[in-house]
Amino acid sequence: AWTSYAHKAYPYLLVGNHHLLLALAGESYQAAEMRCALRAYLRALSFLRVGNNPDLEAALHNNLGVALVVRYVMEERGRLKKFPIKHFALAKRSGRAPNHFGNTPQASLEAGRNAYLVRGMVKKPGLRKAKKKGKHKKGKRRNRQ
């Protein structure tokens, strides 16, 4: 008997990978295919619980992080958010969980490398906003009667 729905996540991982390849394989970037890939990865994650299948969880988080970075680069949308780094960190963490073979999943190792590379894209030196001096307006209270 199945004790979880983790087995349903694997087909969605394959569908997400297929859409990711289609988004990048043609002569031009296909934004609709990328959206389908992201939806498939998120749907696959919805079937997993922490610790059910650490290898699959690491692969899903790593692929989702890569897809988010590729989408940012190809669609040139504002600043790169920290979401890809979050998914790489989750992939690395899920790779620490013991699996059936007693080894570290390859996706977990790749996630560490990907997080290192993307961190340089997110944090650009010299672009921090200067802190404003003075009190916060939220801290002030009015006497109400």
C-alpha atoms as a PDB file:
ATOM      1  CA  ALA A   1       0.000   0.000   0.000  1.00  0.00           C
ATOM      2  CA  TRP A   2       1.179   3.524  -0.764  1.00  0.00           C
ATOM      3  CA  THR A   3       1.800   5.612   2.318  1.00  0.00           C
ATOM      4  CA  SER A   4       2.229   8.928   0.488  1.00  0.00           C
ATOM      5  CA  TYR A   5       1.768  10.574  -2.882  1.00  0.00           C
ATOM      6  CA  ALA A   6       5.505  10.935  -3.553  1.00  0.00           C
ATOM      7  CA  HIS A   7       5.287   8.529  -6.501  1.00  0.00           C
ATOM      8  CA  LYS A   8       3.042  11.049  -8.305  1.00  0.00           C
ATOM      9  CA  ALA A   9       5.765  13.716  -8.233  1.00  0.00           C
ATOM     10  CA  TYR A  10       8.134  11.916 -10.609  1.00  0.00           C
ATOM     11  CA  PRO A  11       5.987  12.246 -13.768  1.00  0.00           C
ATOM     12  CA  TYR A  12       5.611  15.973 -13.093  1.00  0.00           C
ATOM     13  CA  LEU A  13       9.402  16.262 -12.794  1.00  0.00           C
ATOM     14  CA  LEU A  14       9.721  14.665 -16.232  1.00  0.00           C
ATOM     15  CA  VAL A  15       7.033  16.948 -17.675  1.00  0.00           C
ATOM     16  CA  GLY A  16       8.786  19.989 -16.202  1.00  0.00           C
ATOM     17  CA  ASN A  17      12.109  18.891 -17.694  1.00  0.00           C
ATOM     18  CA  HIS A  18      10.443  18.383 -21.084  1.00  0.00           C
ATOM     19  CA  HIS A  19       8.909  21.884 -21.036  1.00  0.00           C
ATOM     20  CA  LEU A  20      12.205  23.403 -19.898  1.00  0.00           C
ATOM     21  CA  LEU A  21      13.962  21.798 -22.868  1.00  0.00           C
ATOM     22  CA  LEU A  22      11.248  22.999 -25.241  1.00  0.00           C
ATOM     23  CA  ALA A  23      11.559  26.533 -23.866  1.00  0.00           C
ATOM     24  CA  LEU A  24      15.254  26.608 -24.713  1.00  0.00           C
ATOM     25  CA  ALA A  25      15.521  24.269 -27.721  1.00  0.00           C
ATOM     26  CA  GLY A  26      13.973  26.381 -30.465  1.00  0.00           C
ATOM     27  CA  GLU A  27      15.423  29.290 -32.362  1.00  0.00           C
ATOM     28  CA  SER A  28      13.971  31.653 -29.809  1.00  0.00           C
ATOM     29  CA  TYR A  29      13.074  31.445 -26.137  1.00  0.00           C
ATOM     30  CA  GLN A  30       9.513  30.253 -25.455  1.00  0.00           C
ATOM     31  CA  ALA A  31       8.111  31.979 -22.358  1.00  0.00           C
ATOM     32  CA  ALA A  32       4.909  29.895 -22.347  1.00  0.00           C
ATOM     33  CA  GLU A  33       6.904  26.659 -22.210  1.00  0.00           C
ATOM     34  CA  MET A  34       8.923  28.055 -19.300  1.00  0.00           C
ATOM     35  CA  ARG A  35       5.710  28.853 -17.419  1.00  0.00           C
ATOM     36  CA  CYS A  36       4.554  25.270 -18.014  1.00  0.00           C
ATOM     37  CA  ALA A  37       7.851  23.947 -16.690  1.00  0.00           C
ATOM     38  CA  LEU A  38       7.596  26.059 -13.541  1.00  0.00           C
ATOM     39  CA  ARG A  39       3.995  24.927 -12.978  1.00  0.00           C
ATOM     40  CA  ALA A  40       4.966  21.276 -13.408  1.00  0.00           C
ATOM     41  CA  TYR A  41       7.827  21.572 -10.892  1.00  0.00           C
ATOM     42  CA  LEU A  42       5.572  23.291  -8.353  1.00  0.00           C
ATOM     43  CA  ARG A  43       2.883  20.657  -8.873  1.00  0.00           C
ATOM     44  CA  ALA A  44       5.452  17.912  -8.306  1.00  0.00           C
ATOM     45  CA  LEU A  45       6.570  19.567  -5.069  1.00  0.00           C
ATOM     46  CA  SER A  46       2.967  19.606  -3.872  1.00  0.00           C
ATOM     47  CA  PHE A  47       2.992  15.791  -3.780  1.00  0.00           C
ATOM     48  CA  LEU A  48       6.121  15.532  -1.637  1.00  0.00           C
ATOM     49  CA  ARG A  49       6.481  15.714   2.093  1.00  0.00           C
ATOM     50  CA  VAL A  50       9.838  16.373   3.720  1.00  0.00           C
ATOM     51  CA  GLY A  51      11.778  13.139   3.949  1.00  0.00           C
ATOM     52  CA  ASN A  52       9.555  11.074   1.618  1.00  0.00           C
ATOM     53  CA  ASN A  53      12.040  10.924  -1.211  1.00  0.00           C
ATOM     54  CA  PRO A  54      15.129  13.081  -0.591  1.00  0.00           C
ATOM     55  CA  ASP A  55      16.639  12.364  -4.012  1.00  0.00           C
ATOM     56  CA  LEU A  56      13.522  13.463  -5.877  1.00  0.00           C
ATOM     57  CA  GLU A  57      13.040  16.473  -3.608  1.00  0.00           C
ATOM     58  CA  ALA A  58      16.627  17.623  -4.188  1.00  0.00           C
ATOM     59  CA  ALA A  59      16.247  17.219  -7.959  1.00  0.00           C
ATOM     60  CA  LEU A  60      12.955  19.145  -8.002  1.00  0.00           C
ATOM     61  CA  HIS A  61      14.247  22.075  -5.966  1.00  0.00           C
ATOM     62  CA  ASN A  62      17.440  22.222  -8.027  1.00  0.00           C
ATOM     63  CA  ASN A  63      15.549  22.173 -11.344  1.00  0.00           C
ATOM     64  CA  LEU A  64      13.091  24.777 -10.102  1.00  0.00           C
ATOM     65  CA  GLY A  65      15.955  27.061  -9.087  1.00  0.00           C
ATOM     66  CA  VAL A  66      17.639  26.619 -12.468  1.00  0.00           C
ATOM     67  CA  ALA A  67      14.369  27.341 -14.299  1.00  0.00           C
ATOM     68  CA  LEU A  68      13.853  30.540 -12.280  1.00  0.00           C
ATOM     69  CA  VAL A  69      17.369  31.748 -13.102  1.00  0.00           C
ATOM     70  CA  VAL A  70      16.956  30.935 -16.806  1.00  0.00           C
ATOM     71  CA  ARG A  71      13.619  32.755 -16.846  1.00  0.00           C
ATOM     72  CA  TYR A  72      15.223  35.816 -15.268  1.00  0.00           C
ATOM     73  CA  VAL A  73      18.094  35.836 -17.766  1.00  0.00           C
ATOM     74  CA  MET A  74      15.943  35.211 -20.849  1.00  0.00           C
ATOM     75  CA  GLU A  75      13.037  37.507 -19.989  1.00  0.00           C
ATOM     76  CA  GLU A  76      15.197  40.256 -18.453  1.00  0.00           C
ATOM     77  CA  ARG A  77      12.776  40.939 -15.619  1.00  0.00           C
ATOM     78  CA  GLY A  78      14.025  43.550 -13.139  1.00  0.00           C
ATOM     79  CA  ARG A  79      16.242  42.218 -10.368  1.00  0.00           C
ATOM     80  CA  LEU A  80      16.847  38.557  -9.717  1.00  0.00           C
ATOM     81  CA  LYS A  81      15.053  37.656  -6.504  1.00  0.00           C
ATOM     82  CA  LYS A  82      16.384  35.287  -3.876  1.00  0.00           C
ATOM     83  CA  PHE A  83      13.881  32.542  -4.751  1.00  0.00           C
ATOM     84  CA  PRO A  84      16.362  30.472  -6.789  1.00  0.00           C
ATOM     85  CA  ILE A  85      18.864  30.531  -3.927  1.00  0.00           C
ATOM     86  CA  LYS A  86      16.096  29.425  -1.570  1.00  0.00           C
ATOM     87  CA  HIS A  87      15.340  26.428  -3.794  1.00  0.00           C
ATOM     88  CA  PHE A  88      19.028  25.551  -4.116  1.00  0.00           C
ATOM     89  CA  ALA A  89      19.325  25.665  -0.306  1.00  0.00           C
ATOM     90  CA  LEU A  90      16.285  23.391   0.050  1.00  0.00           C
ATOM     91  CA  ALA A  91      17.803  20.978  -2.473  1.00  0.00           C
ATOM     92  CA  LYS A  92      21.077  20.941  -0.588  1.00  0.00           C
ATOM     93  CA  ARG A  93      19.291  20.393   2.722  1.00  0.00           C
ATOM     94  CA  SER A  94      17.112  17.563   1.389  1.00  0.00           C
ATOM     95  CA  GLY A  95      20.251  15.901   0.076  1.00  0.00           C
ATOM     96  CA  ARG A  96      21.533  15.593   3.640  1.00  0.00           C
ATOM     97  CA  ALA A  97      18.643  13.288   4.525  1.00  0.00           C
ATOM     98  CA  PRO A  98      19.586   9.609   4.430  1.00  0.00           C
ATOM     99  CA  ASN A  99      18.538   7.841   1.255  1.00  0.00           C
ATOM    100  CA  HIS A 100      18.245   4.121   0.528  1.00  0.00           C
ATOM    101  CA  PHE A 101      21.794   3.854  -0.812  1.00  0.00           C
ATOM    102  CA  GLY A 102      23.539   5.893   1.884  1.00  0.00           C
ATOM    103  CA  ASN A 103      25.070   8.402  -0.542  1.00  0.00           C
ATOM    104  CA  THR A 104      24.544  12.080  -1.308  1.00  0.00           C
ATOM    105  CA  PRO A 105      22.262  12.709  -4.287  1.00  0.00           C
ATOM    106  CA  GLN A 106      23.967  14.352  -7.269  1.00  0.00           C
ATOM    107  CA  ALA A 107      21.224  17.017  -7.363  1.00  0.00           C
ATOM    108  CA  SER A 108      22.212  18.105  -3.869  1.00  0.00           C
ATOM    109  CA  LEU A 109      25.839  18.550  -4.890  1.00  0.00           C
ATOM    110  CA  GLU A 110      24.839  20.496  -7.999  1.00  0.00           C
ATOM    111  CA  ALA A 111      22.508  22.684  -5.949  1.00  0.00           C
ATOM    112  CA  GLY A 112      25.436  23.843  -3.823  1.00  0.00           C
ATOM    113  CA  ARG A 113      27.363  24.844  -6.930  1.00  0.00           C
ATOM    114  CA  ASN A 114      24.340  26.555  -8.459  1.00  0.00           C
ATOM    115  CA  ALA A 115      23.661  28.544  -5.295  1.00  0.00           C
ATOM    116  CA  TYR A 116      27.260  29.759  -5.272  1.00  0.00           C
ATOM    117  CA  LEU A 117      27.032  30.919  -8.895  1.00  0.00           C
ATOM    118  CA  VAL A 118      23.642  32.615  -8.523  1.00  0.00           C
ATOM    119  CA  ARG A 119      24.613  34.436  -5.326  1.00  0.00           C
ATOM    120  CA  GLY A 120      26.969  36.543  -7.419  1.00  0.00           C
ATOM    121  CA  MET A 121      24.076  37.536  -9.659  1.00  0.00           C
ATOM    122  CA  VAL A 122      21.816  38.522  -6.745  1.00  0.00           C
ATOM    123  CA  LYS A 123      24.323  40.428  -4.624  1.00  0.00           C
ATOM    124  CA  LYS A 124      25.977  43.182  -6.594  1.00  0.00           C
ATOM    125  CA  PRO A 125      28.475  45.232  -4.588  1.00  0.00           C
ATOM    126  CA  GLY A 126      27.837  48.921  -4.213  1.00  0.00           C
ATOM    127  CA  LEU A 127      24.144  48.798  -5.006  1.00  0.00           C
ATOM    128  CA  ARG A 128      22.824  48.758  -1.454  1.00  0.00           C
ATOM    129  CA  LYS A 129      20.478  51.525  -0.474  1.00  0.00           C
ATOM    130  CA  ALA A 130      21.761  53.914   2.146  1.00  0.00           C
ATOM    131  CA  LYS A 131      19.944  53.705   5.460  1.00  0.00           C
ATOM    132  CA  LYS A 132      17.840  56.698   6.257  1.00  0.00           C
ATOM    133  CA  LYS A 133      18.552  58.383   9.529  1.00  0.00           C
ATOM    134  CA  GLY A 134      15.711  59.187  11.842  1.00  0.00           C
ATOM    135  CA  LYS A 135      12.875  57.407  13.554  1.00  0.00           C
ATOM    136  CA  HIS A 136      10.415  55.108  11.946  1.00  0.00           C
ATOM    137  CA  LYS A 137       6.918  56.504  11.603  1.00  0.00           C
ATOM    138  CA  LYS A 138       5.484  53.240  12.889  1.00  0.00           C
ATOM    139  CA  GLY A 139       7.204  53.794  16.222  1.00  0.00           C
ATOM    140  CA  LYS A 140       5.353  57.017  16.943  1.00  0.00           C
ATOM    141  CA  ARG A 141       2.039  56.775  18.737  1.00  0.00           C
ATOM    142  CA  ARG A 142      -0.608  59.364  18.962  1.00  0.00           C
ATOM    143  CA  ASN A 143      -2.626  60.006  22.065  1.00  0.00           C
ATOM    144  CA  ARG A 144      -6.178  59.146  21.197  1.00  0.00           C
ATOM    145  CA  GLN A 145      -9.066  60.220  23.360  1.00  0.00           C
END
